[in-house]
Every structure is written in structure tokens, then in C-alpha cells.
C-alpha atoms as a PDB file:
ATOM      1  CA  UNK A   1       0.000   0.000   0.000  1.00  0.00           C
ATOM      2  CA  UNK A   2       1.432   3.373  -1.004  1.00  0.00           C
ATOM      3  CA  UNK A   3       0.368   6.724   0.440  1.00  0.00           C
ATOM      4  CA  UNK A   4       1.644   9.895  -1.235  1.00  0.00           C
ATOM      5  CA  UNK A   5       1.913  13.187   0.630  1.00  0.00           C
ATOM      6  CA  UNK A   6       2.094  16.571  -1.052  1.00  0.00           C
ATOM      7  CA  UNK A   7       1.499  20.155   0.056  1.00  0.00           C
ATOM      8  CA  UNK A   8      -1.717  21.767  -1.208  1.00  0.00           C
ATOM      9  CA  UNK A   9      -1.010  24.786  -3.415  1.00  0.00           C
ATOM     10  CA  UNK A  10       2.523  23.655  -4.351  1.00  0.00           C
ATOM     11  CA  UNK A  11       4.245  24.171  -6.695  1.00  0.00           C
ATOM     12  CA  UNK A  12       1.447  26.413  -7.981  1.00  0.00           C
ATOM     13  CA  UNK A  13      -1.759  27.421  -6.252  1.00  0.00           C
ATOM     14  CA  UNK A  14      -4.137  25.573  -8.579  1.00  0.00           C
ATOM     15  CA  UNK A  15      -2.077  22.367  -8.848  1.00  0.00           C
ATOM     16  CA  UNK A  16      -3.833  20.648  -5.928  1.00  0.00           C
ATOM     17  CA  UNK A  17      -6.547  18.669  -7.729  1.00  0.00           C
ATOM     18  CA  UNK A  18      -4.496  17.862 -10.860  1.00  0.00           C
ATOM     19  CA  UNK A  19      -1.765  16.431  -8.621  1.00  0.00           C
ATOM     20  CA  UNK A  20      -4.335  14.296  -6.780  1.00  0.00           C
ATOM     21  CA  UNK A  21      -5.716  12.972 -10.060  1.00  0.00           C
ATOM     22  CA  UNK A  22      -2.216  12.066 -11.275  1.00  0.00           C
ATOM     23  CA  UNK A  23      -1.343  10.338  -7.977  1.00  0.00           C
ATOM     24  CA  UNK A  24      -4.464   8.190  -8.354  1.00  0.00           C
ATOM     25  CA  UNK A  25      -3.768   7.478 -12.026  1.00  0.00           C
ATOM     26  CA  UNK A  26      -0.256   6.293 -11.139  1.00  0.00           C
ATOM     27  CA  UNK A  27      -1.605   3.629  -8.796  1.00  0.00           C
ATOM     28  CA  UNK A  28      -1.121   5.036  -5.282  1.00  0.00           C
ATOM     29  CA  UNK A  29      -3.616   3.823  -2.679  1.00  0.00           C
ATOM     30  CA  UNK A  30      -3.997   6.868  -0.408  1.00  0.00           C
ATOM     31  CA  UNK A  31      -3.508  10.610  -0.938  1.00  0.00           C
ATOM     32  CA  UNK A  32      -2.335  12.783   1.940  1.00  0.00           C
ATOM     33  CA  UNK A  33      -2.954  16.472   1.283  1.00  0.00           C
ATOM     34  CA  UNK A  34      -0.772  18.713   3.416  1.00  0.00           C
ATOM     35  CA  UNK A  35      -2.402  21.844   4.788  1.00  0.00           C
ATOM     36  CA  UNK A  36       0.332  24.518   4.612  1.00  0.00           C
ATOM     37  CA  UNK A  37       1.437  26.004   7.924  1.00  0.00           C
ATOM     38  CA  UNK A  38       4.136  28.519   8.779  1.00  0.00           C
ATOM     39  CA  UNK A  39       5.767  26.296  11.423  1.00  0.00           C
ATOM     40  CA  UNK A  40       5.540  22.618  10.381  1.00  0.00           C
ATOM     41  CA  UNK A  41       7.546  21.225  13.287  1.00  0.00           C
ATOM     42  CA  UNK A  42       7.688  17.573  12.181  1.00  0.00           C
ATOM     43  CA  UNK A  43       8.878  18.344   8.677  1.00  0.00           C
ATOM     44  CA  UNK A  44      12.292  18.630   7.098  1.00  0.00           C
ATOM     45  CA  UNK A  45      13.558  21.357   4.757  1.00  0.00           C
ATOM     46  CA  UNK A  46      11.889  20.027   1.592  1.00  0.00           C
ATOM     47  CA  UNK A  47       8.373  20.018   3.028  1.00  0.00           C
ATOM     48  CA  UNK A  48       9.007  23.212   5.013  1.00  0.00           C
ATOM     49  CA  UNK A  49       9.919  24.976   1.791  1.00  0.00           C
ATOM     50  CA  UNK A  50       6.813  23.638   0.025  1.00  0.00           C
ATOM     51  CA  UNK A  51       4.698  24.986   2.904  1.00  0.00           C
ATOM     52  CA  UNK A  52       6.211  28.451   2.555  1.00  0.00           C
ATOM     53  CA  UNK A  53       5.769  28.482  -1.239  1.00  0.00           C
ATOM     54  CA  UNK A  54       2.144  27.357  -0.920  1.00  0.00           C
ATOM     55  CA  UNK A  55       1.400  30.071   1.644  1.00  0.00           C
ATOM     56  CA  UNK A  56       3.071  32.673  -0.577  1.00  0.00           C
ATOM     57  CA  UNK A  57       0.928  31.378  -3.455  1.00  0.00           C
ATOM     58  CA  UNK A  58      -2.156  32.227  -1.399  1.00  0.00           C
ATOM     59  CA  UNK A  59      -3.145  28.785  -0.102  1.00  0.00           C
ATOM     60  CA  UNK A  60      -5.486  28.672   2.905  1.00  0.00           C
ATOM     61  CA  UNK A  61      -7.998  26.210   4.306  1.00  0.00           C
ATOM     62  CA  UNK A  62     -10.824  28.170   2.683  1.00  0.00           C
ATOM     63  CA  UNK A  63      -9.063  27.990  -0.676  1.00  0.00           C
ATOM     64  CA  UNK A  64      -8.257  24.297  -0.210  1.00  0.00           C
ATOM     65  CA  UNK A  65     -11.871  23.369   0.449  1.00  0.00           C
ATOM     66  CA  UNK A  66     -12.943  25.284  -2.661  1.00  0.00           C
ATOM     67  CA  UNK A  67     -10.392  23.291  -4.678  1.00  0.00           C
ATOM     68  CA  UNK A  68     -11.704  20.020  -3.227  1.00  0.00           C
ATOM     69  CA  UNK A  69     -15.402  20.756  -3.794  1.00  0.00           C
ATOM     70  CA  UNK A  70     -15.604  18.511  -6.877  1.00  0.00           C
ATOM     71  CA  UNK A  71     -12.807  16.158  -5.853  1.00  0.00           C
ATOM     72  CA  UNK A  72     -15.040  13.116  -5.644  1.00  0.00           C
ATOM     73  CA  UNK A  73     -16.069  13.474  -9.292  1.00  0.00           C
ATOM     74  CA  UNK A  74     -12.601  12.257 -10.284  1.00  0.00           C
ATOM     75  CA  UNK A  75     -10.777  10.953  -7.183  1.00  0.00           C
ATOM     76  CA  UNK A  76     -11.950   7.659  -5.665  1.00  0.00           C
ATOM     77  CA  UNK A  77      -9.029   6.678  -3.409  1.00  0.00           C
ATOM     78  CA  UNK A  78      -9.044   7.640   0.289  1.00  0.00           C
ATOM     79  CA  UNK A  79      -8.019  11.247   0.930  1.00  0.00           C
ATOM     80  CA  UNK A  80      -6.486  12.408   4.208  1.00  0.00           C
ATOM     81  CA  UNK A  81      -5.709  15.962   5.279  1.00  0.00           C
ATOM     82  CA  UNK A  82      -2.447  16.309   7.187  1.00  0.00           C
ATOM     83  CA  UNK A  83      -1.696  19.474   9.074  1.00  0.00           C
ATOM     84  CA  UNK A  84      -1.367  21.284  12.371  1.00  0.00           C
ATOM     85  CA  UNK A  85      -3.999  22.342  14.869  1.00  0.00           C
ATOM     86  CA  UNK A  86      -3.566  26.106  14.766  1.00  0.00           C
ATOM     87  CA  UNK A  87      -5.070  26.784  11.299  1.00  0.00           C
ATOM     88  CA  UNK A  88      -7.921  24.365  12.033  1.00  0.00           C
ATOM     89  CA  UNK A  89      -8.760  26.056  15.341  1.00  0.00           C
ATOM     90  CA  UNK A  90      -8.714  29.419  13.580  1.00  0.00           C
ATOM     91  CA  UNK A  91     -11.033  28.050  10.892  1.00  0.00           C
ATOM     92  CA  UNK A  92     -13.333  26.566  13.544  1.00  0.00           C
ATOM     93  CA  UNK A  93     -13.164  22.875  14.460  1.00  0.00           C
ATOM     94  CA  UNK A  94     -16.744  21.996  13.630  1.00  0.00           C
ATOM     95  CA  UNK A  95     -16.774  24.106  10.458  1.00  0.00           C
ATOM     96  CA  UNK A  96     -13.597  22.294   9.421  1.00  0.00           C
ATOM     97  CA  UNK A  97     -15.147  18.869  10.089  1.00  0.00           C
ATOM     98  CA  UNK A  98     -18.311  19.809   8.177  1.00  0.00           C
ATOM     99  CA  UNK A  99     -16.258  20.927   5.192  1.00  0.00           C
ATOM    100  CA  UNK A 100     -14.215  17.738   5.275  1.00  0.00           C
ATOM    101  CA  UNK A 101     -17.390  15.663   5.183  1.00  0.00           C
ATOM    102  CA  UNK A 102     -18.925  17.807   2.443  1.00  0.00           C
ATOM    103  CA  UNK A 103     -15.986  17.434   0.047  1.00  0.00           C
ATOM    104  CA  UNK A 104     -15.317  13.766   0.855  1.00  0.00           C
ATOM    105  CA  UNK A 105     -12.224  13.795   3.071  1.00  0.00           C
ATOM    106  CA  UNK A 106     -11.804  10.430   4.835  1.00  0.00           C
ATOM    107  CA  UNK A 107      -9.401  11.180   7.650  1.00  0.00           C
ATOM    108  CA  UNK A 108      -6.915  13.431   9.397  1.00  0.00           C
ATOM    109  CA  UNK A 109      -3.293  13.373  10.543  1.00  0.00           C
ATOM    110  CA  UNK A 110      -2.578  16.102  13.088  1.00  0.00           C
ATOM    111  CA  UNK A 111       0.932  15.552  14.515  1.00  0.00           C
ATOM    112  CA  UNK A 112       0.526  18.150  17.276  1.00  0.00           C
ATOM    113  CA  UNK A 113      -2.839  16.852  18.560  1.00  0.00           C
ATOM    114  CA  UNK A 114      -2.250  15.087  21.911  1.00  0.00           C
ATOM    115  CA  UNK A 115      -4.115  11.827  22.446  1.00  0.00           C
ATOM    116  CA  UNK A 116      -5.938  13.058  25.547  1.00  0.00           C
ATOM    117  CA  UNK A 117      -7.067  16.264  23.860  1.00  0.00           C
ATOM    118  CA  UNK A 118      -8.339  14.197  20.938  1.00  0.00           C
ATOM    119  CA  UNK A 119     -10.323  11.929  23.272  1.00  0.00           C
ATOM    120  CA  UNK A 120     -11.670  14.777  25.434  1.00  0.00           C
ATOM    121  CA  UNK A 121     -12.419  17.421  22.828  1.00  0.00           C
ATOM    122  CA  UNK A 122     -12.425  16.075  19.283  1.00  0.00           C
ATOM    123  CA  UNK A 123     -13.132  12.358  18.963  1.00  0.00           C
ATOM    124  CA  UNK A 124     -16.900  12.643  19.183  1.00  0.00           C
ATOM    125  CA  UNK A 125     -16.947  15.373  16.556  1.00  0.00           C
ATOM    126  CA  UNK A 126     -14.542  13.577  14.224  1.00  0.00           C
ATOM    127  CA  UNK A 127     -16.685  10.452  14.494  1.00  0.00           C
ATOM    128  CA  UNK A 128     -19.854  12.465  13.838  1.00  0.00           C
ATOM    129  CA  UNK A 129     -18.433  13.721  10.536  1.00  0.00           C
ATOM    130  CA  UNK A 130     -16.895  10.404   9.504  1.00  0.00           C
ATOM    131  CA  UNK A 131     -13.261  11.437   9.948  1.00  0.00           C
ATOM    132  CA  UNK A 132     -10.759   8.736  10.896  1.00  0.00           C
ATOM    133  CA  UNK A 133      -7.855  10.028  12.950  1.00  0.00           C
ATOM    134  CA  UNK A 134      -4.292   8.763  12.608  1.00  0.00           C
ATOM    135  CA  UNK A 135      -1.583   9.048  15.261  1.00  0.00           C
ATOM    136  CA  UNK A 136       2.177   8.832  14.811  1.00  0.00           C
ATOM    137  CA  UNK A 137       4.521   6.496  16.658  1.00  0.00           C
ATOM    138  CA  UNK A 138       8.327   6.432  16.628  1.00  0.00           C
ATOM    139  CA  UNK A 139      11.099   4.072  17.780  1.00  0.00           C
ATOM    140  CA  UNK A 140      10.912   5.812  21.167  1.00  0.00           C
ATOM    141  CA  UNK A 141       7.167   5.166  21.657  1.00  0.00           C
ATOM    142  CA  UNK A 142       6.529   2.663  24.455  1.00  0.00           C
ATOM    143  CA  UNK A 143       4.607  -0.555  23.864  1.00  0.00           C
ATOM    144  CA  UNK A 144       1.893   0.634  26.266  1.00  0.00           C
ATOM    145  CA  UNK A 145       1.495   3.868  24.320  1.00  0.00           C
ATOM    146  CA  UNK A 146       1.383   2.036  20.987  1.00  0.00           C
ATOM    147  CA  UNK A 147      -1.370  -0.234  22.291  1.00  0.00           C
ATOM    148  CA  UNK A 148      -3.341   2.774  23.567  1.00  0.00           C
ATOM    149  CA  UNK A 149      -3.063   4.458  20.167  1.00  0.00           C
ATOM    150  CA  UNK A 150      -4.145   1.249  18.459  1.00  0.00           C
ATOM    151  CA  UNK A 151      -7.130   0.883  20.776  1.00  0.00           C
ATOM    152  CA  UNK A 152      -8.331   4.477  20.577  1.00  0.00           C
ATOM    153  CA  UNK A 153      -7.844   5.343  16.907  1.00  0.00           C
ATOM    154  CA  UNK A 154      -9.490   4.055  13.766  1.00  0.00           C
ATOM    155  CA  UNK A 155      -7.339   5.117  10.834  1.00  0.00           C
ATOM    156  CA  UNK A 156      -3.931   3.618  10.325  1.00  0.00           C
ATOM    157  CA  UNK A 157      -0.875   3.848  12.553  1.00  0.00           C
ATOM    158  CA  UNK A 158       1.760   6.151  11.103  1.00  0.00           C
ATOM    159  CA  UNK A 159       5.116   4.590  11.951  1.00  0.00           C
ATOM    160  CA  UNK A 160       7.777   7.282  11.886  1.00  0.00           C
ATOM    161  CA  UNK A 161      10.807   5.304  10.750  1.00  0.00           C
ATOM    162  CA  UNK A 162      13.343   7.171  12.874  1.00  0.00           C
ATOM    163  CA  UNK A 163      13.551   9.831  15.569  1.00  0.00           C
ATOM    164  CA  UNK A 164      13.979  12.720  13.142  1.00  0.00           C
ATOM    165  CA  UNK A 165      12.190  15.130  10.834  1.00  0.00           C
ATOM    166  CA  UNK A 166      10.839  14.111   7.430  1.00  0.00           C
ATOM    167  CA  UNK A 167      13.188  13.667   4.509  1.00  0.00           C
ATOM    168  CA  UNK A 168      14.420  11.043   2.100  1.00  0.00           C
ATOM    169  CA  UNK A 169      17.243   8.862   3.434  1.00  0.00           C
ATOM    170  CA  UNK A 170      19.666   6.616   1.563  1.00  0.00           C
ATOM    171  CA  UNK A 171      18.546   3.337   3.097  1.00  0.00           C
ATOM    172  CA  UNK A 172      16.923   1.669   6.092  1.00  0.00           C
ATOM    173  CA  UNK A 173      19.158   0.663   9.002  1.00  0.00           C
ATOM    174  CA  UNK A 174      19.218  -2.525  11.033  1.00  0.00           C
ATOM    175  CA  UNK A 175      18.089  -0.518  14.051  1.00  0.00           C
ATOM    176  CA  UNK A 176      15.013   0.633  12.135  1.00  0.00           C
ATOM    177  CA  UNK A 177      14.222  -2.919  11.037  1.00  0.00           C
ATOM    178  CA  UNK A 178      14.413  -4.049  14.654  1.00  0.00           C
ATOM    179  CA  UNK A 179      11.784  -1.387  15.486  1.00  0.00           C
ATOM    180  CA  UNK A 180       9.591  -2.434  12.538  1.00  0.00           C
ATOM    181  CA  UNK A 181       9.723  -6.054  13.696  1.00  0.00           C
ATOM    182  CA  UNK A 182       8.952  -5.106  17.291  1.00  0.00           C
ATOM    183  CA  UNK A 183       5.772  -3.284  16.272  1.00  0.00           C
ATOM    184  CA  UNK A 184       4.800  -5.971  13.757  1.00  0.00           C
ATOM    185  CA  UNK A 185       4.972  -8.597  16.496  1.00  0.00           C
ATOM    186  CA  UNK A 186       2.404  -6.658  18.549  1.00  0.00           C
ATOM    187  CA  UNK A 187      -0.324  -7.727  16.084  1.00  0.00           C
ATOM    188  CA  UNK A 188      -2.202  -4.412  16.228  1.00  0.00           C
ATOM    189  CA  UNK A 189      -5.719  -4.052  14.852  1.00  0.00           C
ATOM    190  CA  UNK A 190      -5.011  -0.952  12.752  1.00  0.00           C
ATOM    191  CA  UNK A 191      -2.874  -1.183   9.611  1.00  0.00           C
ATOM    192  CA  UNK A 192       0.669   0.206   9.894  1.00  0.00           C
ATOM    193  CA  UNK A 193       2.264   2.490   7.306  1.00  0.00           C
ATOM    194  CA  UNK A 194       5.922   3.497   7.536  1.00  0.00           C
ATOM    195  CA  UNK A 195       6.927   7.060   6.729  1.00  0.00           C
ATOM    196  CA  UNK A 196       9.955   9.387   6.933  1.00  0.00           C
ATOM    197  CA  UNK A 197      12.849   8.291   4.705  1.00  0.00           C
ATOM    198  CA  UNK A 198      10.910   6.307   2.087  1.00  0.00           C
ATOM    199  CA  UNK A 199      11.868   7.497  -1.381  1.00  0.00           C
ATOM    200  CA  UNK A 200      12.268   4.748  -3.973  1.00  0.00           C
ATOM    201  CA  UNK A 201      11.485   1.157  -4.913  1.00  0.00           C
ATOM    202  CA  UNK A 202      14.084  -0.291  -2.547  1.00  0.00           C
ATOM    203  CA  UNK A 203      13.036   1.589   0.602  1.00  0.00           C
ATOM    204  CA  UNK A 204       9.354   1.112  -0.302  1.00  0.00           C
ATOM    205  CA  UNK A 205       9.723  -2.660  -0.662  1.00  0.00           C
ATOM    206  CA  UNK A 206      11.702  -2.912   2.571  1.00  0.00           C
ATOM    207  CA  UNK A 207       9.024  -0.948   4.434  1.00  0.00           C
ATOM    208  CA  UNK A 208       6.269  -3.143   2.973  1.00  0.00           C
ATOM    209  CA  UNK A 209       8.071  -6.264   4.236  1.00  0.00           C
ATOM    210  CA  UNK A 210       7.509  -5.128   7.820  1.00  0.00           C
ATOM    211  CA  UNK A 211       4.193  -3.249   7.532  1.00  0.00           C
ATOM    212  CA  UNK A 212       1.102  -2.783   5.393  1.00  0.00           C
ATOM    213  CA  UNK A 213       2.736  -0.098   3.289  1.00  0.00           C
ATOM    214  CA  UNK A 214       4.659   3.152   3.200  1.00  0.00           C
ATOM    215  CA  UNK A 215       4.256   6.910   2.944  1.00  0.00           C
ATOM    216  CA  UNK A 216       6.330   9.078   0.620  1.00  0.00           C
ATOM    217  CA  UNK A 217       6.467  12.841   1.038  1.00  0.00           C
ATOM    218  CA  UNK A 218       9.790  14.657   0.601  1.00  0.00           C
ATOM    219  CA  UNK A 219      10.929  12.631  -2.416  1.00  0.00           C
ATOM    220  CA  UNK A 220       7.583  13.266  -4.103  1.00  0.00           C
ATOM    221  CA  UNK A 221       7.769  17.011  -3.353  1.00  0.00           C
ATOM    222  CA  UNK A 222      11.215  17.082  -4.988  1.00  0.00           C
ATOM    223  CA  UNK A 223       9.770  15.323  -8.037  1.00  0.00           C
ATOM    224  CA  UNK A 224       7.071  17.937  -8.599  1.00  0.00           C
ATOM    225  CA  UNK A 225       9.081  21.014  -7.523  1.00  0.00           C
ATOM    226  CA  UNK A 226      10.510  21.879 -10.944  1.00  0.00           C
ATOM    227  CA  UNK A 227       8.270  19.684 -13.085  1.00  0.00           C
ATOM    228  CA  UNK A 228       7.352  20.943 -16.538  1.00  0.00           C
ATOM    229  CA  UNK A 229       4.769  18.190 -16.956  1.00  0.00           C
ATOM    230  CA  UNK A 230       3.229  17.330 -13.577  1.00  0.00           C
ATOM    231  CA  UNK A 231       1.034  14.446 -14.663  1.00  0.00           C
ATOM    232  CA  UNK A 232       3.738  12.640 -16.637  1.00  0.00           C
ATOM    233  CA  UNK A 233       6.406  13.151 -13.982  1.00  0.00           C
ATOM    234  CA  UNK A 234       4.108  12.046 -11.151  1.00  0.00           C
ATOM    235  CA  UNK A 235       3.035   8.903 -12.967  1.00  0.00           C
ATOM    236  CA  UNK A 236       6.634   8.046 -13.901  1.00  0.00           C
ATOM    237  CA  UNK A 237       7.914   8.555 -10.363  1.00  0.00           C
ATOM    238  CA  UNK A 238       5.158   6.621  -8.548  1.00  0.00           C
ATOM    239  CA  UNK A 239       5.338   3.720 -11.001  1.00  0.00           C
ATOM    240  CA  UNK A 240       9.112   3.540 -10.452  1.00  0.00           C
ATOM    241  CA  UNK A 241       8.383   3.112  -6.722  1.00  0.00           C
ATOM    242  CA  UNK A 242       5.714   0.440  -6.983  1.00  0.00           C
ATOM    243  CA  UNK A 243       7.056  -1.442 -10.039  1.00  0.00           C
END
């Protein structure tokens, strides 16, 4: 299973839906649409830069929802919004959830949303509007915490491959594989996708050996950054990963 992340409004403001359509056409299974934010703490330089460009282009949540209004006429794969709490709180939590439901968003990844705050303040509302929530785990996450996340969420479990920011890495280390095996052996109910450092066919296949699939972000952003033909370049890149 392959999930592709990109930043809405990058490289150009109106590229959002065409990029989604090309990702689907190439054979990816899930699309993660990044909501640009001025301080994306979990992200490396590539995604940080794409956030800044998108914001300079004029991207906002209001603009994003207008771009996604007719998404479901052409995009059938699951679509997840990934972003940070601040813009969503400013937009209004319930208004945000309503808009997600209206345009056909399936789930959310909010790296700075604490589990307890989710359970106390947001879970009921997310459930009401059909939004599955995904939490991140890392090699430092305890077994007890992983089991709590598995029990109390209903999306997939986002396995951060290493204790670092996002960004393509050369390969996957033995230490990372030990972590992948440790989590695999827990036999969790939610599917596990590995992200951070997945960039090509080799790292994708390795990740899939130990999980249900992988997430690619930075390497995809680099692919589209200077593209003269987005659709062709996206299809070529994704097919080279899943070949």
C-alpha cells in the first residue's frame, strides 16, 4: 500500500486537484494532502519549503476546500488531510469537520494533537463527521502507548521510521528494522504504514516487508518542484516506486 503526501497549493496554487488525479492514475492507494502552515515542526527542509511556497501562493484552508469541492467526481481513493492544529482552530473545528465531510475527506493526521485532547475534545466530533484520525509512533514510543493508540484510533498507525524530521534517506538501518519487527509482532488491529525516509522502490519494498505499506512525502515534493509536466512526472515517479 502506497500513500503519497504533497502540500496543497505547491508548486502552484491551482495544482492541488491535478496532482491528486495524477497520484491516483499512477496507482497510489492513499492521498495525503498537506495543509500549509508557517511552522511545520515535524517536517524537514523540503516540506518546510513547500509549505512556505504554498502560503506565498495564497493557499489557505478556505481555498483548499474550494479546490476540493468537486474532488469526488474524479478521485476515488481515500483522501487524508495532514496538518497542524492552529489553522484548524482558527477556521473553527466543527466548520472544518463539516467541510471535510462535504468534500469527501476520509481522515486526518494532526501531529501536534495530543491523544488526551483528541479523546476529550475532538473524537466525538470527528466520528460524527466520519473522519478517521491517525496518530504517529516512533522508535521511542513505548509498547503501552502504541497499544493505547491502536485501541483508541481508527485510521492507520503512522510509523515514523526514525527519531527525526521528514526527509528522504539513503537506506533503512538494522536498528530501524528491529523497530519495525517489534511493532509488527504486537499484532495491532489498525494497519501500519511506515513514513519518513521512504523514497524509492528499494526503501518502499523494505518498508512493505515489515508493515502494510509506506508513505512518501519529501521525495515526491522534490519530483514535482521543478516539473514541466506534472502528470507525466508524477506517474513516472510513482510507477518507479511500486514497479
